[in-house]
N, C-alpha and C. Protein backbone atom coordinates (compact mmCIF):
# COMPACT_ATOMS: atom_id res chain seq x y z
N MET A 1 -15.58 -12.49 -17.87
CA MET A 1 -14.66 -11.16 -17.42
C MET A 1 -13.91 -11.20 -18.75
N PRO A 2 -13.71 -10.16 -19.07
CA PRO A 2 -13.34 -10.01 -20.42
C PRO A 2 -11.71 -10.30 -20.00
N GLY A 3 -10.63 -10.68 -21.08
CA GLY A 3 -9.69 -11.26 -21.23
C GLY A 3 -9.48 -12.40 -20.74
N VAL A 4 -10.63 -13.03 -19.87
CA VAL A 4 -10.66 -14.49 -19.64
C VAL A 4 -11.05 -15.58 -21.15
N LEU A 5 -10.07 -16.08 -21.74
CA LEU A 5 -10.20 -16.68 -22.79
C LEU A 5 -11.09 -18.28 -22.60
N ARG A 6 -10.52 -18.71 -21.52
CA ARG A 6 -10.83 -19.96 -21.30
C ARG A 6 -11.15 -20.44 -19.88
N SER A 7 -11.88 -21.01 -19.40
CA SER A 7 -12.22 -21.39 -17.91
C SER A 7 -12.15 -23.24 -17.89
N LEU A 8 -11.62 -23.76 -17.21
CA LEU A 8 -11.81 -25.40 -16.83
C LEU A 8 -11.76 -25.85 -15.37
N VAL A 9 -12.76 -26.54 -15.01
CA VAL A 9 -12.50 -26.97 -13.70
C VAL A 9 -11.99 -28.10 -13.90
N GLY A 10 -11.30 -28.66 -12.71
CA GLY A 10 -11.00 -29.58 -12.00
C GLY A 10 -10.31 -29.96 -11.22
N TYR A 11 -9.01 -30.61 -10.66
CA TYR A 11 -8.91 -31.06 -9.53
C TYR A 11 -7.03 -30.76 -9.51
N CYS A 12 -6.30 -30.49 -8.46
CA CYS A 12 -5.13 -30.23 -8.08
C CYS A 12 -4.74 -30.20 -6.69
N GLY A 13 -3.26 -29.97 -6.60
CA GLY A 13 -3.12 -29.98 -5.19
C GLY A 13 -2.98 -31.48 -4.27
N GLY A 14 -3.41 -32.57 -4.94
CA GLY A 14 -3.43 -33.83 -4.29
C GLY A 14 -2.36 -34.75 -4.73
N GLU A 15 -1.95 -35.99 -4.68
CA GLU A 15 -1.10 -36.80 -5.07
C GLU A 15 -1.59 -38.16 -5.84
N LYS A 16 -2.90 -38.21 -5.62
CA LYS A 16 -3.35 -39.57 -5.93
C LYS A 16 -3.89 -39.25 -7.24
N PRO A 17 -2.95 -40.29 -8.31
CA PRO A 17 -3.41 -39.78 -10.03
C PRO A 17 -5.01 -40.17 -10.17
N ASP A 18 -5.21 -39.54 -11.08
CA ASP A 18 -6.76 -39.63 -11.91
C ASP A 18 -7.74 -39.60 -10.99
N PRO A 19 -7.71 -38.05 -10.16
CA PRO A 19 -8.90 -38.29 -9.31
C PRO A 19 -10.20 -38.18 -9.90
N THR A 20 -10.93 -38.32 -9.54
CA THR A 20 -12.65 -38.39 -9.69
C THR A 20 -13.18 -37.27 -9.09
N TYR A 21 -14.48 -37.12 -9.32
CA TYR A 21 -15.27 -36.08 -8.16
C TYR A 21 -15.67 -36.95 -7.07
N ARG A 22 -15.86 -37.99 -7.27
CA ARG A 22 -16.15 -39.25 -6.17
C ARG A 22 -14.87 -39.05 -5.18
N SER A 23 -13.75 -39.55 -5.78
CA SER A 23 -12.27 -39.90 -5.06
C SER A 23 -12.22 -38.06 -4.25
N VAL A 24 -12.28 -36.99 -5.33
CA VAL A 24 -11.96 -36.30 -4.09
C VAL A 24 -12.84 -35.58 -3.23
N CYS A 25 -14.11 -35.99 -3.25
CA CYS A 25 -15.11 -35.91 -2.30
C CYS A 25 -14.95 -37.23 -1.39
N GLY A 26 -14.55 -38.15 -1.27
CA GLY A 26 -13.82 -38.90 -0.40
C GLY A 26 -12.64 -38.58 0.30
N GLY A 27 -12.08 -37.31 -0.08
CA GLY A 27 -10.64 -37.01 0.66
C GLY A 27 -9.65 -37.43 0.08
N ASP A 28 -9.48 -37.57 -1.12
CA ASP A 28 -8.05 -38.06 -1.54
C ASP A 28 -6.82 -37.03 -1.80
N GLY A 29 -7.18 -35.87 -1.18
CA GLY A 29 -6.20 -34.74 -1.10
C GLY A 29 -6.09 -33.96 -2.28
N HIS A 30 -7.43 -33.75 -3.12
CA HIS A 30 -7.19 -32.74 -4.16
C HIS A 30 -8.11 -31.92 -3.63
N THR A 31 -8.10 -30.64 -4.23
CA THR A 31 -8.88 -29.36 -4.43
C THR A 31 -9.50 -29.45 -5.76
N GLU A 32 -10.86 -28.83 -5.53
CA GLU A 32 -11.80 -28.41 -6.53
C GLU A 32 -11.04 -27.05 -6.97
N ALA A 33 -10.71 -27.32 -8.22
CA ALA A 33 -10.19 -25.73 -8.71
C ALA A 33 -10.45 -25.43 -10.19
N MET A 34 -9.95 -24.38 -10.49
CA MET A 34 -10.54 -23.68 -11.89
C MET A 34 -9.40 -23.36 -12.45
N LEU A 35 -9.19 -23.59 -13.75
CA LEU A 35 -7.64 -23.32 -14.61
C LEU A 35 -8.32 -21.78 -15.48
N LEU A 36 -7.52 -21.10 -15.22
CA LEU A 36 -7.98 -19.60 -16.29
C LEU A 36 -7.00 -19.67 -17.39
N GLU A 37 -7.56 -19.29 -18.68
CA GLU A 37 -6.29 -19.16 -19.75
C GLU A 37 -6.64 -17.63 -20.20
N TYR A 38 -5.72 -16.68 -20.17
CA TYR A 38 -5.99 -15.28 -20.02
C TYR A 38 -5.23 -14.62 -21.10
N ASP A 39 -5.45 -13.33 -21.84
CA ASP A 39 -4.96 -12.53 -22.43
C ASP A 39 -4.43 -11.68 -21.37
N PRO A 40 -3.16 -11.64 -21.15
CA PRO A 40 -2.56 -10.35 -20.38
C PRO A 40 -2.04 -9.10 -21.16
N SER A 41 -2.60 -9.17 -22.00
CA SER A 41 -2.60 -7.77 -23.04
C SER A 41 -4.15 -7.15 -22.31
N GLN A 42 -5.12 -7.83 -22.13
CA GLN A 42 -6.77 -7.43 -21.78
C GLN A 42 -6.89 -7.61 -20.26
N ILE A 43 -6.17 -8.39 -19.43
CA ILE A 43 -6.05 -8.23 -17.96
C ILE A 43 -4.94 -8.88 -17.42
N THR A 44 -4.83 -8.98 -15.97
CA THR A 44 -3.47 -9.23 -15.47
C THR A 44 -3.91 -10.03 -14.58
N PHE A 45 -2.69 -10.65 -14.33
CA PHE A 45 -2.72 -11.67 -12.82
C PHE A 45 -3.36 -10.95 -11.50
N GLU A 46 -2.93 -9.74 -11.42
CA GLU A 46 -3.60 -9.27 -10.03
C GLU A 46 -4.60 -9.13 -10.26
N GLN A 47 -5.00 -8.64 -11.46
CA GLN A 47 -7.04 -8.31 -11.60
C GLN A 47 -7.73 -9.81 -11.37
N ILE A 48 -7.47 -10.77 -11.97
CA ILE A 48 -7.68 -11.91 -11.75
C ILE A 48 -7.89 -12.30 -10.68
N LEU A 49 -6.83 -12.14 -9.68
CA LEU A 49 -6.35 -12.02 -8.44
C LEU A 49 -7.93 -11.41 -7.15
N ASN A 50 -7.93 -10.60 -7.85
CA ASN A 50 -8.72 -9.44 -7.18
C ASN A 50 -10.44 -9.71 -7.32
N GLU A 51 -10.38 -10.21 -8.55
CA GLU A 51 -11.81 -10.42 -8.85
C GLU A 51 -11.62 -11.98 -7.85
N PHE A 52 -11.09 -12.92 -7.85
CA PHE A 52 -11.28 -14.14 -7.06
C PHE A 52 -11.24 -13.77 -5.36
N TYR A 53 -10.74 -12.75 -4.89
CA TYR A 53 -11.06 -12.06 -3.69
C TYR A 53 -12.69 -11.21 -3.54
N ASP A 54 -12.40 -10.84 -4.40
CA ASP A 54 -14.04 -10.14 -4.73
C ASP A 54 -15.00 -11.12 -4.44
N GLN A 55 -14.98 -12.04 -5.02
CA GLN A 55 -15.97 -13.20 -5.27
C GLN A 55 -16.18 -14.03 -4.29
N HIS A 56 -15.36 -14.61 -3.19
CA HIS A 56 -15.55 -15.27 -2.22
C HIS A 56 -14.88 -14.84 -0.99
N VAL A 57 -14.90 -15.61 0.33
CA VAL A 57 -14.52 -15.24 1.42
C VAL A 57 -13.78 -16.69 1.69
N PRO A 58 -12.39 -16.58 1.93
CA PRO A 58 -11.27 -17.63 2.16
C PRO A 58 -11.52 -18.16 3.63
N PHE A 59 -12.08 -18.94 3.83
CA PHE A 59 -12.80 -19.42 5.49
C PHE A 59 -12.26 -20.37 5.84
N ARG A 60 -11.69 -20.69 7.00
CA ARG A 60 -10.91 -22.10 7.26
C ARG A 60 -11.92 -23.35 6.78
N PRO A 61 -11.28 -24.07 5.49
CA PRO A 61 -12.05 -25.34 5.31
C PRO A 61 -11.96 -26.31 6.20
N THR A 62 -13.25 -27.16 6.24
CA THR A 62 -13.14 -28.52 6.64
C THR A 62 -12.53 -29.73 6.15
N LYS A 63 -12.29 -29.27 4.77
CA LYS A 63 -12.22 -30.31 3.97
C LYS A 63 -10.66 -29.78 2.72
N LYS A 64 -10.09 -30.68 1.98
CA LYS A 64 -9.11 -29.75 1.47
C LYS A 64 -9.84 -29.92 0.13
N GLN A 65 -10.96 -30.03 0.06
CA GLN A 65 -11.53 -30.50 -1.17
C GLN A 65 -12.08 -28.83 -0.96
N TYR A 66 -12.45 -28.12 -0.71
CA TYR A 66 -13.17 -26.88 -0.49
C TYR A 66 -12.11 -25.84 -0.15
N ARG A 67 -10.78 -26.32 0.05
CA ARG A 67 -10.21 -24.93 0.44
C ARG A 67 -9.87 -23.94 -0.72
N SER A 68 -9.67 -22.44 -0.57
CA SER A 68 -8.97 -21.85 -1.12
C SER A 68 -7.53 -22.07 -1.20
N ALA A 69 -7.24 -21.68 -2.45
CA ALA A 69 -5.69 -21.79 -3.13
C ALA A 69 -5.50 -21.42 -4.39
N VAL A 70 -4.60 -20.79 -4.82
CA VAL A 70 -4.00 -20.12 -5.74
C VAL A 70 -2.72 -20.97 -6.02
N TRP A 71 -2.32 -21.42 -7.00
CA TRP A 71 -1.07 -22.36 -7.76
C TRP A 71 -0.67 -21.29 -8.64
N PRO A 72 0.17 -20.21 -8.36
CA PRO A 72 0.73 -19.11 -9.34
C PRO A 72 1.78 -20.35 -10.20
N GLN A 73 2.35 -19.94 -11.68
CA GLN A 73 2.63 -20.61 -12.81
C GLN A 73 4.27 -20.08 -12.72
N ASN A 74 4.66 -19.13 -12.15
CA ASN A 74 6.10 -18.77 -12.04
C ASN A 74 6.27 -18.20 -11.08
N ASP A 75 7.46 -17.54 -10.78
CA ASP A 75 7.60 -16.69 -9.50
C ASP A 75 6.90 -15.42 -9.91
N GLU A 76 7.08 -14.77 -10.95
CA GLU A 76 6.28 -13.29 -10.78
C GLU A 76 5.21 -13.39 -10.37
N GLN A 77 4.08 -14.63 -10.75
CA GLN A 77 3.02 -14.60 -10.13
C GLN A 77 3.06 -15.11 -8.71
N LEU A 78 3.87 -15.68 -8.54
CA LEU A 78 4.09 -15.50 -6.74
C LEU A 78 4.09 -14.77 -6.13
N ARG A 79 5.11 -14.17 -6.45
CA ARG A 79 5.15 -12.65 -5.87
C ARG A 79 3.65 -11.60 -5.81
N ILE A 80 3.30 -11.68 -7.04
CA ILE A 80 1.92 -10.89 -6.65
C ILE A 80 0.85 -11.49 -5.98
N ALA A 81 0.78 -13.18 -6.07
CA ALA A 81 -0.07 -13.48 -5.30
C ALA A 81 0.15 -13.22 -3.89
N GLU A 82 1.00 -13.30 -3.31
CA GLU A 82 1.55 -13.02 -1.95
C GLU A 82 1.42 -11.74 -1.39
N ARG A 83 1.50 -11.08 -2.38
CA ARG A 83 1.55 -9.22 -2.29
C ARG A 83 0.13 -8.62 -2.19
N VAL A 84 -0.77 -9.13 -3.10
CA VAL A 84 -2.53 -9.18 -3.10
C VAL A 84 -2.86 -9.61 -1.78
N LYS A 85 -2.35 -10.90 -1.31
CA LYS A 85 -2.91 -11.72 -0.44
C LYS A 85 -2.73 -10.91 0.43
N ALA A 86 -1.53 -10.12 1.15
CA ALA A 86 -0.84 -9.31 2.55
C ALA A 86 -1.62 -8.03 2.34
N GLU A 87 -1.73 -7.55 1.05
CA GLU A 87 -2.33 -6.22 0.90
C GLU A 87 -3.93 -6.58 1.38
N ARG A 88 -4.76 -7.21 0.82
CA ARG A 88 -5.97 -7.93 1.52
C ARG A 88 -5.90 -7.82 2.83
N GLU A 89 -5.52 -8.76 3.35
CA GLU A 89 -5.10 -9.06 4.66
C GLU A 89 -4.92 -7.66 5.63
N GLN A 90 -4.47 -7.06 4.89
CA GLN A 90 -4.09 -5.30 5.67
C GLN A 90 -5.42 -4.78 6.08
N ALA A 91 -5.72 -4.64 4.52
CA ALA A 91 -6.68 -3.60 4.46
C ALA A 91 -7.96 -4.31 5.25
N GLY A 92 -8.35 -5.49 4.97
CA GLY A 92 -9.38 -5.99 5.68
C GLY A 92 -9.15 -6.05 6.89
N GLY A 93 -8.24 -6.28 8.02
CA GLY A 93 -7.89 -6.77 9.13
C GLY A 93 -8.12 -7.85 9.93
N ARG A 94 -7.94 -9.02 8.46
CA ARG A 94 -8.27 -10.27 8.85
C ARG A 94 -7.63 -11.15 8.18
N THR A 95 -7.14 -12.59 8.48
CA THR A 95 -6.83 -13.70 7.86
C THR A 95 -7.71 -14.17 6.68
N LEU A 96 -6.83 -14.04 5.49
CA LEU A 96 -7.42 -14.97 4.35
C LEU A 96 -6.53 -16.25 4.58
N PHE A 97 -7.22 -17.12 4.52
CA PHE A 97 -7.01 -18.64 4.47
C PHE A 97 -6.91 -19.66 3.12
N THR A 98 -6.16 -18.54 2.56
CA THR A 98 -6.23 -19.09 1.06
C THR A 98 -4.55 -19.54 1.06
N ASP A 99 -4.11 -20.62 0.51
CA ASP A 99 -3.08 -20.99 0.11
C ASP A 99 -2.53 -20.88 -1.37
N ILE A 100 -1.23 -20.65 -0.64
CA ILE A 100 -0.38 -20.17 -1.79
C ILE A 100 0.72 -21.30 -2.44
N GLU A 101 1.06 -22.07 -3.28
CA GLU A 101 1.28 -23.33 -3.37
C GLU A 101 2.18 -23.53 -5.18
N GLU A 102 3.29 -24.34 -5.02
CA GLU A 102 3.76 -24.72 -6.19
C GLU A 102 2.66 -25.50 -7.13
N PRO A 103 2.41 -25.29 -8.35
CA PRO A 103 1.89 -25.87 -8.95
C PRO A 103 1.89 -27.57 -8.64
N THR A 104 0.90 -27.78 -9.42
CA THR A 104 0.78 -29.58 -8.90
C THR A 104 0.27 -29.99 -10.34
N LYS A 105 0.25 -31.52 -10.53
CA LYS A 105 -0.28 -31.87 -11.81
C LYS A 105 -1.99 -31.56 -11.63
N TRP A 106 -2.54 -31.28 -12.94
CA TRP A 106 -3.89 -30.38 -13.17
C TRP A 106 -4.80 -31.70 -13.71
N TYR A 107 -5.70 -32.17 -13.05
CA TYR A 107 -6.47 -33.31 -13.91
C TYR A 107 -8.12 -32.34 -14.48
N ASP A 108 -8.32 -32.62 -15.27
CA ASP A 108 -9.93 -31.85 -15.72
C ASP A 108 -10.65 -32.64 -14.94
N ALA A 109 -11.87 -32.21 -14.54
CA ALA A 109 -13.07 -32.74 -13.94
C ALA A 109 -14.04 -33.28 -15.32
N GLU A 110 -14.66 -34.10 -14.79
CA GLU A 110 -15.51 -34.42 -15.58
C GLU A 110 -16.86 -33.50 -16.30
N GLU A 111 -16.92 -34.35 -17.42
CA GLU A 111 -17.59 -33.17 -18.40
C GLU A 111 -18.78 -32.46 -17.65
N TYR A 112 -19.44 -33.41 -16.99
CA TYR A 112 -21.04 -32.86 -16.46
C TYR A 112 -20.49 -31.34 -15.18
N HIS A 113 -19.17 -31.55 -15.01
CA HIS A 113 -18.91 -30.77 -14.01
C HIS A 113 -18.60 -29.10 -14.98
N GLN A 114 -18.21 -29.30 -16.03
CA GLN A 114 -17.36 -28.10 -16.90
C GLN A 114 -19.09 -27.23 -17.16
N LYS A 115 -18.66 -25.85 -16.78
CA LYS A 115 -19.87 -24.71 -17.39
C LYS A 115 -21.09 -24.89 -16.74
N TYR A 116 -20.82 -25.81 -15.07
CA TYR A 116 -22.05 -26.28 -14.12
C TYR A 116 -23.02 -25.37 -14.22
N VAL A 117 -22.36 -24.19 -14.08
CA VAL A 117 -23.62 -22.25 -13.88
C VAL A 117 -24.32 -22.64 -14.81
N GLU A 118 -23.86 -22.12 -16.03
CA GLU A 118 -24.22 -22.20 -17.35
C GLU A 118 -25.37 -23.33 -17.48
N LYS A 119 -24.93 -24.37 -17.39
CA LYS A 119 -25.49 -25.71 -17.63
C LYS A 119 -26.97 -25.42 -16.58
N SER A 120 -26.89 -25.08 -15.42
CA SER A 120 -27.82 -25.25 -14.71
C SER A 120 -29.00 -23.91 -15.12
N ARG A 121 -28.44 -22.84 -15.69
CA ARG A 121 -29.43 -21.65 -15.93
C ARG A 121 -30.28 -22.23 -17.01
N ASN A 122 -29.56 -23.20 -18.21
CA ASN A 122 -30.30 -23.29 -19.19
C ASN A 122 -31.32 -24.44 -18.89
N ARG A 123 -31.55 -24.80 -17.84
CA ARG A 123 -32.56 -26.07 -18.31
C ARG A 123 -33.62 -25.35 -17.44
N TRP A 124 -33.38 -24.30 -16.81
CA TRP A 124 -34.53 -23.24 -15.99
C TRP A 124 -35.33 -22.69 -16.90
């Protein structure tokens, strides 16, 4: 996506320190997440959110590990996240099960999870 400088897969939203894929799968309270570093002169937070909603359907998850969530990093991002979600719900006539929460500590996922799709494509 133009303007996105870097993406990183990891875990957040839980309280257990130093989660691993195994502990997250075991229900330690963390959510599998993606951290994006972007250039705001090329892409806006709102554009990223719209792409996020275009790429998946936020359904009611059975496990916290797979929930749809956004962790805005400041008050402006919080306002934008709440507005975009409300606009999408109104336009679509349905509830989006995306949690919008205060940021929590970020933990990088294991190296084998980074660029997983890209690595998988290169194997074939």
